[in-house]
Amino acid sequence: MKLYVGRLPYQTTGDDLEQIFGRYGEVLSASVITDRDTGRSRGFGFVEMSNDEDARSAMNNLNNSDLEGRTIVVNEANERPPRTGGGNRGGGGGFQNRERRPYDRGSSGGGGGYRDRRY
């Protein structure tokens, strides 16, 4: 069974999770999710245990427990939904990454854009 572990202290490692959850049974894998740009912990991780009964015991005992001053959350992990779209096509992602240009005046509709100028 795979467990989600949230609200982790940012210094927690996969080895720490393996040691904590190992008290309740065999841990197949333990990982803390990190930010791909900075490499810092995102404050949550996953633990996979070999036995469902041991995983439930760990979940019941560790959920809402204190870990280095933080109250952690332990739940059964949800399966990741399948990704749609496939490929790296880019596409209509909106304006999140658009650079501002001098003629952009926001989306207030008040004119002033390059198309509103008479040349």
PDB file of N, CA and C in Angstrom:
ATOM      1  N   MET A   1       0.849  -1.167   0.000  1.00  0.00           N
ATOM      2  CA  MET A   1       0.000   0.000   0.000  1.00  0.00           C
ATOM      3  C   MET A   1       0.899   1.235   0.000  1.00  0.00           C
ATOM      4  N   LYS A   2       0.508   2.239  -0.756  1.00  0.00           N
ATOM      5  CA  LYS A   2       1.268   3.477  -0.836  1.00  0.00           C
ATOM      6  C   LYS A   2       0.582   4.543   0.015  1.00  0.00           C
ATOM      7  N   LEU A   3       1.385   5.250   0.815  1.00  0.00           N
ATOM      8  CA  LEU A   3       0.880   6.275   1.717  1.00  0.00           C
ATOM      9  C   LEU A   3       1.413   7.646   1.331  1.00  0.00           C
ATOM     10  N   TYR A   4       0.560   8.647   1.476  1.00  0.00           N
ATOM     11  CA  TYR A   4       0.949  10.045   1.307  1.00  0.00           C
ATOM     12  C   TYR A   4       1.301  10.587   2.683  1.00  0.00           C
ATOM     13  N   VAL A   5       2.413  11.308   2.782  1.00  0.00           N
ATOM     14  CA  VAL A   5       2.826  11.909   4.042  1.00  0.00           C
ATOM     15  C   VAL A   5       3.000  13.399   3.791  1.00  0.00           C
ATOM     16  N   GLY A   6       2.171  14.212   4.430  1.00  0.00           N
ATOM     17  CA  GLY A   6       2.204  15.656   4.202  1.00  0.00           C
ATOM     18  C   GLY A   6       2.586  16.437   5.445  1.00  0.00           C
ATOM     19  N   ARG A   7       2.814  17.747   5.228  1.00  0.00           N
ATOM     20  CA  ARG A   7       3.221  18.681   6.286  1.00  0.00           C
ATOM     21  C   ARG A   7       4.547  18.289   6.923  1.00  0.00           C
ATOM     22  N   LEU A   8       5.440  17.746   6.117  1.00  0.00           N
ATOM     23  CA  LEU A   8       6.741  17.323   6.627  1.00  0.00           C
ATOM     24  C   LEU A   8       7.642  18.522   6.887  1.00  0.00           C
ATOM     25  N   PRO A   9       8.487  18.430   7.909  1.00  0.00           N
ATOM     26  CA  PRO A   9       9.534  19.445   8.054  1.00  0.00           C
ATOM     27  C   PRO A   9      10.406  19.410   6.799  1.00  0.00           C
ATOM     28  N   TYR A  10      10.863  20.564   6.357  1.00  0.00           N
ATOM     29  CA  TYR A  10      11.571  20.631   5.080  1.00  0.00           C
ATOM     30  C   TYR A  10      12.913  19.919   5.078  1.00  0.00           C
ATOM     31  N   GLN A  11      13.467  19.629   6.237  1.00  0.00           N
ATOM     32  CA  GLN A  11      14.750  18.924   6.293  1.00  0.00           C
ATOM     33  C   GLN A  11      14.586  17.407   6.302  1.00  0.00           C
ATOM     34  N   THR A  12      13.351  16.899   6.311  1.00  0.00           N
ATOM     35  CA  THR A  12      13.095  15.463   6.321  1.00  0.00           C
ATOM     36  C   THR A  12      13.551  14.828   5.004  1.00  0.00           C
ATOM     37  N   THR A  13      14.192  13.666   5.102  1.00  0.00           N
ATOM     38  CA  THR A  13      14.669  12.945   3.916  1.00  0.00           C
ATOM     39  C   THR A  13      13.898  11.639   3.742  1.00  0.00           C
ATOM     40  N   GLY A  14      14.101  11.003   2.620  1.00  0.00           N
ATOM     41  CA  GLY A  14      13.507   9.689   2.367  1.00  0.00           C
ATOM     42  C   GLY A  14      13.991   8.660   3.377  1.00  0.00           C
ATOM     43  N   ASP A  15      15.253   8.761   3.767  1.00  0.00           N
ATOM     44  CA  ASP A  15      15.795   7.843   4.775  1.00  0.00           C
ATOM     45  C   ASP A  15      15.094   8.028   6.120  1.00  0.00           C
ATOM     46  N   ASP A  16      14.784   9.279   6.459  1.00  0.00           N
ATOM     47  CA  ASP A  16      14.045   9.548   7.698  1.00  0.00           C
ATOM     48  C   ASP A  16      12.674   8.876   7.661  1.00  0.00           C
ATOM     49  N   LEU A  17      11.975   9.020   6.526  1.00  0.00           N
ATOM     50  CA  LEU A  17      10.649   8.392   6.393  1.00  0.00           C
ATOM     51  C   LEU A  17      10.756   6.878   6.488  1.00  0.00           C
ATOM     52  N   GLU A  18      11.778   6.323   5.855  1.00  0.00           N
ATOM     53  CA  GLU A  18      11.961   4.871   5.894  1.00  0.00           C
ATOM     54  C   GLU A  18      12.165   4.395   7.331  1.00  0.00           C
ATOM     55  N   GLN A  19      12.935   5.137   8.097  1.00  0.00           N
ATOM     56  CA  GLN A  19      13.187   4.767   9.488  1.00  0.00           C
ATOM     57  C   GLN A  19      11.913   4.896  10.335  1.00  0.00           C
ATOM     58  N   ILE A  20      11.164   5.974  10.161  1.00  0.00           N
ATOM     59  CA  ILE A  20       9.946   6.198  10.946  1.00  0.00           C
ATOM     60  C   ILE A  20       8.893   5.136  10.638  1.00  0.00           C
ATOM     61  N   PHE A  21       8.646   4.892   9.349  1.00  0.00           N
ATOM     62  CA  PHE A  21       7.607   3.938   8.960  1.00  0.00           C
ATOM     63  C   PHE A  21       8.077   2.497   9.128  1.00  0.00           C
ATOM     64  N   GLY A  22       9.383   2.278   9.150  1.00  0.00           N
ATOM     65  CA  GLY A  22       9.929   0.938   9.336  1.00  0.00           C
ATOM     66  C   GLY A  22       9.594   0.342  10.693  1.00  0.00           C
ATOM     67  N   ARG A  23       9.226   1.163  11.645  1.00  0.00           N
ATOM     68  CA  ARG A  23       8.795   0.670  12.971  1.00  0.00           C
ATOM     69  C   ARG A  23       7.503  -0.132  12.884  1.00  0.00           C
ATOM     70  N   TYR A  24       6.758   0.080  11.796  1.00  0.00           N
ATOM     71  CA  TYR A  24       5.448  -0.564  11.669  1.00  0.00           C
ATOM     72  C   TYR A  24       5.439  -1.716  10.667  1.00  0.00           C
ATOM     73  N   GLY A  25       6.518  -1.898   9.930  1.00  0.00           N
ATOM     74  CA  GLY A  25       6.582  -2.982   8.954  1.00  0.00           C
ATOM     75  C   GLY A  25       7.614  -2.687   7.882  1.00  0.00           C
ATOM     76  N   GLU A  26       7.676  -3.580   6.892  1.00  0.00           N
ATOM     77  CA  GLU A  26       8.664  -3.452   5.828  1.00  0.00           C
ATOM     78  C   GLU A  26       8.307  -2.310   4.880  1.00  0.00           C
ATOM     79  N   VAL A  27       9.259  -1.418   4.672  1.00  0.00           N
ATOM     80  CA  VAL A  27       9.094  -0.290   3.757  1.00  0.00           C
ATOM     81  C   VAL A  27       9.746  -0.650   2.430  1.00  0.00           C
ATOM     82  N   LEU A  28       8.960  -0.625   1.360  1.00  0.00           N
ATOM     83  CA  LEU A  28       9.489  -0.919   0.031  1.00  0.00           C
ATOM     84  C   LEU A  28      10.180   0.295  -0.572  1.00  0.00           C
ATOM     85  N   SER A  29       9.602   1.479  -0.359  1.00  0.00           N
ATOM     86  CA  SER A  29      10.212   2.711  -0.855  1.00  0.00           C
ATOM     87  C   SER A  29       9.720   3.878  -0.016  1.00  0.00           C
ATOM     88  N   ALA A  30      10.560   4.891   0.085  1.00  0.00           N
ATOM     89  CA  ALA A  30      10.206   6.117   0.806  1.00  0.00           C
ATOM     90  C   ALA A  30      10.904   7.268   0.107  1.00  0.00           C
ATOM     91  N   SER A  31      10.142   8.285  -0.250  1.00  0.00           N
ATOM     92  CA  SER A  31      10.746   9.427  -0.938  1.00  0.00           C
ATOM     93  C   SER A  31      10.066  10.719  -0.525  1.00  0.00           C
ATOM     94  N   VAL A  32      10.862  11.781  -0.482  1.00  0.00           N
ATOM     95  CA  VAL A  32      10.363  13.122  -0.236  1.00  0.00           C
ATOM     96  C   VAL A  32      10.409  13.842  -1.574  1.00  0.00           C
ATOM     97  N   ILE A  33       9.337  14.507  -1.929  1.00  0.00           N
ATOM     98  CA  ILE A  33       9.239  15.188  -3.213  1.00  0.00           C
ATOM     99  C   ILE A  33       9.962  16.531  -3.121  1.00  0.00           C
ATOM    100  N   THR A  34      10.798  16.802  -4.125  1.00  0.00           N
ATOM    101  CA  THR A  34      11.574  18.040  -4.130  1.00  0.00           C
ATOM    102  C   THR A  34      11.202  18.902  -5.328  1.00  0.00           C
ATOM    103  N   ASP A  35      11.434  20.182  -5.188  1.00  0.00           N
ATOM    104  CA  ASP A  35      11.213  21.129  -6.266  1.00  0.00           C
ATOM    105  C   ASP A  35      12.264  20.890  -7.343  1.00  0.00           C
ATOM    106  N   ARG A  36      11.854  20.802  -8.583  1.00  0.00           N
ATOM    107  CA  ARG A  36      12.806  20.456  -9.639  1.00  0.00           C
ATOM    108  C   ARG A  36      13.791  21.586  -9.915  1.00  0.00           C
ATOM    109  N   ASP A  37      13.428  22.828  -9.633  1.00  0.00           N
ATOM    110  CA  ASP A  37      14.330  23.947  -9.888  1.00  0.00           C
ATOM    111  C   ASP A  37      15.326  24.170  -8.751  1.00  0.00           C
ATOM    112  N   THR A  38      14.834  24.133  -7.505  1.00  0.00           N
ATOM    113  CA  THR A  38      15.700  24.457  -6.365  1.00  0.00           C
ATOM    114  C   THR A  38      16.271  23.228  -5.675  1.00  0.00           C
ATOM    115  N   GLY A  39      15.631  22.064  -5.848  1.00  0.00           N
ATOM    116  CA  GLY A  39      16.079  20.852  -5.165  1.00  0.00           C
ATOM    117  C   GLY A  39      15.637  20.779  -3.715  1.00  0.00           C
ATOM    118  N   ARG A  40      14.869  21.760  -3.261  1.00  0.00           N
ATOM    119  CA  ARG A  40      14.392  21.766  -1.876  1.00  0.00           C
ATOM    120  C   ARG A  40      13.133  20.928  -1.734  1.00  0.00           C
ATOM    121  N   SER A  41      12.944  20.429  -0.525  1.00  0.00           N
ATOM    122  CA  SER A  41      11.757  19.629  -0.225  1.00  0.00           C
ATOM    123  C   SER A  41      10.503  20.468  -0.436  1.00  0.00           C
ATOM    124  N   ARG A  42       9.447  19.818  -0.925  1.00  0.00           N
ATOM    125  CA  ARG A  42       8.156  20.485  -1.074  1.00  0.00           C
ATOM    126  C   ARG A  42       7.258  20.221   0.132  1.00  0.00           C
ATOM    127  N   GLY A  43       7.780  19.486   1.123  1.00  0.00           N
ATOM    128  CA  GLY A  43       7.039  19.287   2.361  1.00  0.00           C
ATOM    129  C   GLY A  43       6.100  18.087   2.362  1.00  0.00           C
ATOM    130  N   PHE A  44       6.239  17.214   1.361  1.00  0.00           N
ATOM    131  CA  PHE A  44       5.435  15.995   1.371  1.00  0.00           C
ATOM    132  C   PHE A  44       6.218  14.878   0.702  1.00  0.00           C
ATOM    133  N   GLY A  45       5.733  13.665   0.910  1.00  0.00           N
ATOM    134  CA  GLY A  45       6.405  12.516   0.326  1.00  0.00           C
ATOM    135  C   GLY A  45       5.494  11.309   0.272  1.00  0.00           C
ATOM    136  N   PHE A  46       6.062  10.178  -0.128  1.00  0.00           N
ATOM    137  CA  PHE A  46       5.306   8.937  -0.258  1.00  0.00           C
ATOM    138  C   PHE A  46       6.103   7.790   0.343  1.00  0.00           C
ATOM    139  N   VAL A  47       5.375   6.886   0.984  1.00  0.00           N
ATOM    140  CA  VAL A  47       5.973   5.684   1.553  1.00  0.00           C
ATOM    141  C   VAL A  47       5.166   4.506   1.043  1.00  0.00           C
ATOM    142  N   GLU A  48       5.853   3.506   0.503  1.00  0.00           N
ATOM    143  CA  GLU A  48       5.176   2.290   0.055  1.00  0.00           C
ATOM    144  C   GLU A  48       5.579   1.159   0.984  1.00  0.00           C
ATOM    145  N   MET A  49       4.568   0.509   1.539  1.00  0.00           N
ATOM    146  CA  MET A  49       4.809  -0.589   2.478  1.00  0.00           C
ATOM    147  C   MET A  49       4.349  -1.898   1.862  1.00  0.00           C
ATOM    148  N   SER A  50       5.016  -2.987   2.257  1.00  0.00           N
ATOM    149  CA  SER A  50       4.754  -4.280   1.636  1.00  0.00           C
ATOM    150  C   SER A  50       3.431  -4.895   2.074  1.00  0.00           C
ATOM    151  N   ASN A  51       2.984  -4.553   3.258  1.00  0.00           N
ATOM    152  CA  ASN A  51       1.808  -5.188   3.837  1.00  0.00           C
ATOM    153  C   ASN A  51       0.748  -4.129   4.133  1.00  0.00           C
ATOM    154  N   ASP A  52      -0.484  -4.331   3.636  1.00  0.00           N
ATOM    155  CA  ASP A  52      -1.555  -3.364   3.859  1.00  0.00           C
ATOM    156  C   ASP A  52      -1.870  -3.178   5.340  1.00  0.00           C
ATOM    157  N   GLU A  53      -1.823  -4.253   6.094  1.00  0.00           N
ATOM    158  CA  GLU A  53      -2.118  -4.179   7.524  1.00  0.00           C
ATOM    159  C   GLU A  53      -1.087  -3.311   8.247  1.00  0.00           C
ATOM    160  N   ASP A  54       0.187  -3.475   7.900  1.00  0.00           N
ATOM    161  CA  ASP A  54       1.243  -2.653   8.495  1.00  0.00           C
ATOM    162  C   ASP A  54       1.088  -1.191   8.076  1.00  0.00           C
ATOM    163  N   ALA A  55       0.726  -0.969   6.818  1.00  0.00           N
ATOM    164  CA  ALA A  55       0.533   0.396   6.319  1.00  0.00           C
ATOM    165  C   ALA A  55      -0.607   1.079   7.056  1.00  0.00           C
ATOM    166  N   ARG A  56      -1.704   0.358   7.298  1.00  0.00           N
ATOM    167  CA  ARG A  56      -2.832   0.937   8.040  1.00  0.00           C
ATOM    168  C   ARG A  56      -2.434   1.243   9.483  1.00  0.00           C
ATOM    169  N   SER A  57      -1.640   0.367  10.072  1.00  0.00           N
ATOM    170  CA  SER A  57      -1.162   0.592  11.433  1.00  0.00           C
ATOM    171  C   SER A  57      -0.289   1.851  11.485  1.00  0.00           C
ATOM    172  N   ALA A  58       0.613   1.988  10.525  1.00  0.00           N
ATOM    173  CA  ALA A  58       1.465   3.176  10.465  1.00  0.00           C
ATOM    174  C   ALA A  58       0.622   4.428  10.254  1.00  0.00           C
ATOM    175  N   MET A  59      -0.366   4.341   9.358  1.00  0.00           N
ATOM    176  CA  MET A  59      -1.238   5.473   9.080  1.00  0.00           C
ATOM    177  C   MET A  59      -1.999   5.891  10.341  1.00  0.00           C
ATOM    178  N   ASN A  60      -2.568   4.926  11.049  1.00  0.00           N
ATOM    179  CA  ASN A  60      -3.345   5.229  12.254  1.00  0.00           C
ATOM    180  C   ASN A  60      -2.481   5.814  13.363  1.00  0.00           C
ATOM    181  N   ASN A  61      -1.256   5.332  13.486  1.00  0.00           N
ATOM    182  CA  ASN A  61      -0.389   5.795  14.563  1.00  0.00           C
ATOM    183  C   ASN A  61       0.339   7.098  14.245  1.00  0.00           C
ATOM    184  N   LEU A  62       0.637   7.339  12.977  1.00  0.00           N
ATOM    185  CA  LEU A  62       1.439   8.509  12.624  1.00  0.00           C
ATOM    186  C   LEU A  62       0.632   9.713  12.144  1.00  0.00           C
ATOM    187  N   ASN A  63      -0.595   9.498  11.702  1.00  0.00           N
ATOM    188  CA  ASN A  63      -1.421  10.618  11.267  1.00  0.00           C
ATOM    189  C   ASN A  63      -1.657  11.564  12.442  1.00  0.00           C
ATOM    190  N   ASN A  64      -1.456  12.850  12.211  1.00  0.00           N
ATOM    191  CA  ASN A  64      -1.594  13.903  13.226  1.00  0.00           C
ATOM    192  C   ASN A  64      -0.581  13.775  14.357  1.00  0.00           C
ATOM    193  N   SER A  65       0.531  13.092  14.108  1.00  0.00           N
ATOM    194  CA  SER A  65       1.580  13.007  15.122  1.00  0.00           C
ATOM    195  C   SER A  65       2.596  14.125  14.891  1.00  0.00           C
ATOM    196  N   ASP A  66       3.435  14.362  15.874  1.00  0.00           N
ATOM    197  CA  ASP A  66       4.423  15.429  15.811  1.00  0.00           C
ATOM    198  C   ASP A  66       5.745  14.897  15.260  1.00  0.00           C
ATOM    199  N   LEU A  67       6.284  15.591  14.274  1.00  0.00           N
ATOM    200  CA  LEU A  67       7.602  15.269  13.739  1.00  0.00           C
ATOM    201  C   LEU A  67       8.393  16.570  13.691  1.00  0.00           C
ATOM    202  N   GLU A  68       9.361  16.683  14.590  1.00  0.00           N
ATOM    203  CA  GLU A  68      10.217  17.868  14.675  1.00  0.00           C
ATOM    204  C   GLU A  68       9.414  19.161  14.722  1.00  0.00           C
ATOM    205  N   GLY A  69       8.370  19.174  15.551  1.00  0.00           N
ATOM    206  CA  GLY A  69       7.581  20.387  15.747  1.00  0.00           C
ATOM    207  C   GLY A  69       6.468  20.615  14.750  1.00  0.00           C
ATOM    208  N   ARG A  70       6.290  19.703  13.809  1.00  0.00           N
ATOM    209  CA  ARG A  70       5.193  19.849  12.834  1.00  0.00           C
ATOM    210  C   ARG A  70       4.248  18.659  12.947  1.00  0.00           C
ATOM    211  N   THR A  71       2.969  18.930  12.819  1.00  0.00           N
ATOM    212  CA  THR A  71       1.960  17.875  12.847  1.00  0.00           C
ATOM    213  C   THR A  71       1.819  17.322  11.437  1.00  0.00           C
ATOM    214  N   ILE A  72       2.235  16.072  11.255  1.00  0.00           N
ATOM    215  CA  ILE A  72       2.208  15.482   9.910  1.00  0.00           C
ATOM    216  C   ILE A  72       0.850  14.845   9.622  1.00  0.00           C
ATOM    217  N   VAL A  73       0.582  14.663   8.346  1.00  0.00           N
ATOM    218  CA  VAL A  73      -0.643  14.026   7.872  1.00  0.00           C
ATOM    219  C   VAL A  73      -0.239  12.771   7.119  1.00  0.00           C
ATOM    220  N   VAL A  74      -0.898  11.661   7.421  1.00  0.00           N
ATOM    221  CA  VAL A  74      -0.621  10.407   6.718  1.00  0.00           C
ATOM    222  C   VAL A  74      -1.952   9.839   6.228  1.00  0.00           C
ATOM    223  N   ASN A  75      -2.062   9.673   4.921  1.00  0.00           N
ATOM    224  CA  ASN A  75      -3.266   9.122   4.295  1.00  0.00           C
ATOM    225  C   ASN A  75      -2.868   8.100   3.249  1.00  0.00           C
ATOM    226  N   GLU A  76      -3.849   7.311   2.845  1.00  0.00           N
ATOM    227  CA  GLU A  76      -3.606   6.420   1.710  1.00  0.00           C
ATOM    228  C   GLU A  76      -3.445   7.290   0.465  1.00  0.00           C
ATOM    229  N   ALA A  77      -2.409   7.028  -0.314  1.00  0.00           N
ATOM    230  CA  ALA A  77      -2.133   7.835  -1.511  1.00  0.00           C
ATOM    231  C   ALA A  77      -3.162   7.548  -2.588  1.00  0.00           C
ATOM    232  N   ASN A  78      -3.564   8.589  -3.287  1.00  0.00           N
ATOM    233  CA  ASN A  78      -4.454   8.442  -4.434  1.00  0.00           C
ATOM    234  C   ASN A  78      -3.611   8.168  -5.666  1.00  0.00           C
ATOM    235  N   GLU A  79      -4.115   7.347  -6.546  1.00  0.00           N
ATOM    236  CA  GLU A  79      -3.412   7.092  -7.796  1.00  0.00           C
ATOM    237  C   GLU A  79      -3.400   8.367  -8.626  1.00  0.00           C
ATOM    238  N   ARG A  80      -2.279   8.612  -9.289  1.00  0.00           N
ATOM    239  CA  ARG A  80      -2.171   9.786 -10.146  1.00  0.00           C
ATOM    240  C   ARG A  80      -3.052   9.573 -11.367  1.00  0.00           C
ATOM    241  N   PRO A  81      -3.893  10.557 -11.698  1.00  0.00           N
ATOM    242  CA  PRO A  81      -4.725  10.399 -12.892  1.00  0.00           C
ATOM    243  C   PRO A  81      -3.861  10.396 -14.143  1.00  0.00           C
ATOM    244  N   PRO A  82      -4.292   9.666 -15.164  1.00  0.00           N
ATOM    245  CA  PRO A  82      -3.488   9.621 -16.395  1.00  0.00           C
ATOM    246  C   PRO A  82      -3.386  11.010 -17.015  1.00  0.00           C
ATOM    247  N   ARG A  83      -2.219  11.308 -17.558  1.00  0.00           N
ATOM    248  CA  ARG A  83      -2.019  12.598 -18.196  1.00  0.00           C
ATOM    249  C   ARG A  83      -2.713  12.602 -19.543  1.00  0.00           C
ATOM    250  N   THR A  84      -3.239  13.742 -19.905  1.00  0.00           N
ATOM    251  CA  THR A  84      -3.910  13.861 -21.197  1.00  0.00           C
ATOM    252  C   THR A  84      -3.095  14.759 -22.104  1.00  0.00           C
ATOM    253  N   GLY A  85      -3.348  14.682 -23.356  1.00  0.00           N
ATOM    254  CA  GLY A  85      -2.700  15.561 -24.317  1.00  0.00           C
ATOM    255  C   GLY A  85      -1.430  14.983 -24.893  1.00  0.00           C
ATOM    256  N   GLY A  86      -0.614  14.375 -24.065  1.00  0.00           N
ATOM    257  CA  GLY A  86       0.618  13.761 -24.532  1.00  0.00           C
ATOM    258  C   GLY A  86       1.520  14.690 -25.310  1.00  0.00           C
ATOM    259  N   GLY A  87       2.763  14.377 -25.342  1.00  0.00           N
ATOM    260  CA  GLY A  87       3.706  15.155 -26.140  1.00  0.00           C
ATOM    261  C   GLY A  87       3.984  16.522 -25.553  1.00  0.00           C
ATOM    262  N   ASN A  88       4.913  17.214 -26.158  1.00  0.00           N
ATOM    263  CA  ASN A  88       5.283  18.532 -25.698  1.00  0.00           C
ATOM    264  C   ASN A  88       4.894  19.533 -26.760  1.00  0.00           C
ATOM    265  N   ARG A  89       3.618  19.765 -26.874  1.00  0.00           N
ATOM    266  CA  ARG A  89       3.119  20.608 -27.950  1.00  0.00           C
ATOM    267  C   ARG A  89       2.993  22.068 -27.553  1.00  0.00           C
ATOM    268  N   GLY A  90       3.169  22.366 -26.292  1.00  0.00           N
ATOM    269  CA  GLY A  90       2.947  23.747 -25.874  1.00  0.00           C
ATOM    270  C   GLY A  90       1.465  24.023 -25.919  1.00  0.00           C
ATOM    271  N   GLY A  91       1.072  25.012 -26.636  1.00  0.00           N
ATOM    272  CA  GLY A  91      -0.349  25.257 -26.813  1.00  0.00           C
ATOM    273  C   GLY A  91      -0.883  26.293 -25.866  1.00  0.00           C
ATOM    274  N   GLY A  92      -2.164  26.517 -25.942  1.00  0.00           N
ATOM    275  CA  GLY A  92      -2.844  27.640 -25.315  1.00  0.00           C
ATOM    276  C   GLY A  92      -2.796  27.669 -23.815  1.00  0.00           C
ATOM    277  N   GLY A  93      -1.665  27.871 -23.245  1.00  0.00           N
ATOM    278  CA  GLY A  93      -1.535  27.921 -21.804  1.00  0.00           C
ATOM    279  C   GLY A  93      -1.897  29.248 -21.189  1.00  0.00           C
ATOM    280  N   GLY A  94      -2.417  30.183 -21.949  1.00  0.00           N
ATOM    281  CA  GLY A  94      -2.784  31.468 -21.377  1.00  0.00           C
ATOM    282  C   GLY A  94      -1.619  32.437 -21.413  1.00  0.00           C
ATOM    283  N   PHE A  95      -1.601  33.364 -20.456  1.00  0.00           N
ATOM    284  CA  PHE A  95      -0.626  34.444 -20.486  1.00  0.00           C
ATOM    285  C   PHE A  95       0.385  34.360 -19.361  1.00  0.00           C
ATOM    286  N   GLN A  96       0.504  33.229 -18.665  1.00  0.00           N
ATOM    287  CA  GLN A  96       1.367  33.135 -17.509  1.00  0.00           C
ATOM    288  C   GLN A  96       2.811  33.492 -17.831  1.00  0.00           C
ATOM    289  N   ASN A  97       3.341  33.028 -18.931  1.00  0.00           N
ATOM    290  CA  ASN A  97       4.751  33.200 -19.219  1.00  0.00           C
ATOM    291  C   ASN A  97       5.011  34.264 -20.278  1.00  0.00           C
ATOM    292  N   ARG A  98       4.012  35.024 -20.635  1.00  0.00           N
ATOM    293  CA  ARG A  98       4.173  36.022 -21.680  1.00  0.00           C
ATOM    294  C   ARG A  98       4.973  37.208 -21.156  1.00  0.00           C
ATOM    295  N   GLU A  99       5.930  37.641 -21.919  1.00  0.00           N
ATOM    296  CA  GLU A  99       6.703  38.815 -21.528  1.00  0.00           C
ATOM    297  C   GLU A  99       5.857  40.054 -21.740  1.00  0.00           C
ATOM    298  N   ARG A 100       6.009  41.025 -20.845  1.00  0.00           N
ATOM    299  CA  ARG A 100       5.299  42.300 -21.023  1.00  0.00           C
ATOM    300  C   ARG A 100       6.095  43.166 -21.990  1.00  0.00           C
ATOM    301  N   ARG A 101       5.397  43.772 -22.872  1.00  0.00           N
ATOM    302  CA  ARG A 101       6.018  44.662 -23.835  1.00  0.00           C
ATOM    303  C   ARG A 101       5.564  46.083 -23.538  1.00  0.00           C
ATOM    304  N   PRO A 102       6.309  47.079 -23.987  1.00  0.00           N
ATOM    305  CA  PRO A 102       5.941  48.467 -23.662  1.00  0.00           C
ATOM    306  C   PRO A 102       4.530  48.835 -24.079  1.00  0.00           C
ATOM    307  N   TYR A 103       4.013  48.221 -25.151  1.00  0.00           N
ATOM    308  CA  TYR A 103       2.681  48.583 -25.612  1.00  0.00           C
ATOM    309  C   TYR A 103       1.578  47.820 -24.889  1.00  0.00           C
ATOM    310  N   ASP A 104       1.936  46.832 -24.036  1.00  0.00           N
ATOM    311  CA  ASP A 104       0.923  46.134 -23.255  1.00  0.00           C
ATOM    312  C   ASP A 104       0.514  47.009 -22.087  1.00  0.00           C
ATOM    313  N   ARG A 105      -0.750  47.250 -21.946  1.00  0.00           N
ATOM    314  CA  ARG A 105      -1.233  48.042 -20.828  1.00  0.00           C
ATOM    315  C   ARG A 105      -2.164  47.217 -19.950  1.00  0.00           C
ATOM    316  N   GLY A 106      -1.961  45.909 -19.974  1.00  0.00           N
ATOM    317  CA  GLY A 106      -2.837  45.043 -19.188  1.00  0.00           C
ATOM    318  C   GLY A 106      -4.082  44.714 -19.966  1.00  0.00           C
ATOM    319  N   SER A 107      -5.037  44.129 -19.272  1.00  0.00           N
ATOM    320  CA  SER A 107      -6.263  43.692 -19.941  1.00  0.00           C
ATOM    321  C   SER A 107      -7.448  44.543 -19.534  1.00  0.00           C
ATOM    322  N   SER A 108      -7.202  45.830 -19.232  1.00  0.00           N
ATOM    323  CA  SER A 108      -8.293  46.680 -18.765  1.00  0.00           C
ATOM    324  C   SER A 108      -9.231  47.076 -19.890  1.00  0.00           C
ATOM    325  N   GLY A 109      -8.825  46.845 -21.134  1.00  0.00           N
ATOM    326  CA  GLY A 109      -9.704  47.169 -22.256  1.00  0.00           C
ATOM    327  C   GLY A 109      -9.705  48.647 -22.574  1.00  0.00           C
ATOM    328  N   GLY A 110      -8.827  49.425 -21.977  1.00  0.00           N
ATOM    329  CA  GLY A 110      -8.824  50.858 -22.167  1.00  0.00           C
ATOM    330  C   GLY A 110      -8.069  51.311 -23.395  1.00  0.00           C
ATOM    331  N   GLY A 111      -7.776  50.438 -24.294  1.00  0.00           N
ATOM    332  CA  GLY A 111      -7.055  50.828 -25.497  1.00  0.00           C
ATOM    333  C   GLY A 111      -5.579  50.990 -25.200  1.00  0.00           C
ATOM    334  N   GLY A 112      -4.899  51.702 -26.046  1.00  0.00           N
ATOM    335  CA  GLY A 112      -3.492  51.952 -25.833  1.00  0.00           C
ATOM    336  C   GLY A 112      -2.596  50.866 -26.387  1.00  0.00           C
ATOM    337  N   GLY A 113      -3.153  49.748 -26.816  1.00  0.00           N
ATOM    338  CA  GLY A 113      -2.349  48.694 -27.395  1.00  0.00           C
ATOM    339  C   GLY A 113      -1.905  49.068 -28.794  1.00  0.00           C
ATOM    340  N   TYR A 114      -0.961  48.351 -29.329  1.00  0.00           N
ATOM    341  CA  TYR A 114      -0.433  48.709 -30.643  1.00  0.00           C
ATOM    342  C   TYR A 114      -1.496  48.642 -31.721  1.00  0.00           C
ATOM    343  N   ARG A 115      -2.520  47.843 -31.559  1.00  0.00           N
ATOM    344  CA  ARG A 115      -3.566  47.742 -32.584  1.00  0.00           C
ATOM    345  C   ARG A 115      -4.520  48.921 -32.534  1.00  0.00           C
ATOM    346  N   ASP A 116      -4.520  49.648 -31.419  1.00  0.00           N
ATOM    347  CA  ASP A 116      -5.443  50.774 -31.292  1.00  0.00           C
ATOM    348  C   ASP A 116      -4.848  52.078 -31.814  1.00  0.00           C
ATOM    349  N   ARG A 117      -3.589  52.051 -32.136  1.00  0.00           N
ATOM    350  CA  ARG A 117      -2.937  53.276 -32.627  1.00  0.00           C
ATOM    351  C   ARG A 117      -3.226  53.449 -34.114  1.00  0.00           C
ATOM    352  N   ARG A 118      -3.405  54.686 -34.493  1.00  0.00           N
ATOM    353  CA  ARG A 118      -3.629  54.974 -35.904  1.00  0.00           C
ATOM    354  C   ARG A 118      -2.310  55.418 -36.493  1.00  0.00           C
ATOM    355  N   TYR A 119      -1.901  54.736 -37.524  1.00  0.00           N
ATOM    356  CA  TYR A 119      -0.609  55.046 -38.153  1.00  0.00           C
ATOM    357  C   TYR A 119      -0.826  55.705 -39.489  1.00  0.00           C
TER     358      TYR A 119
END
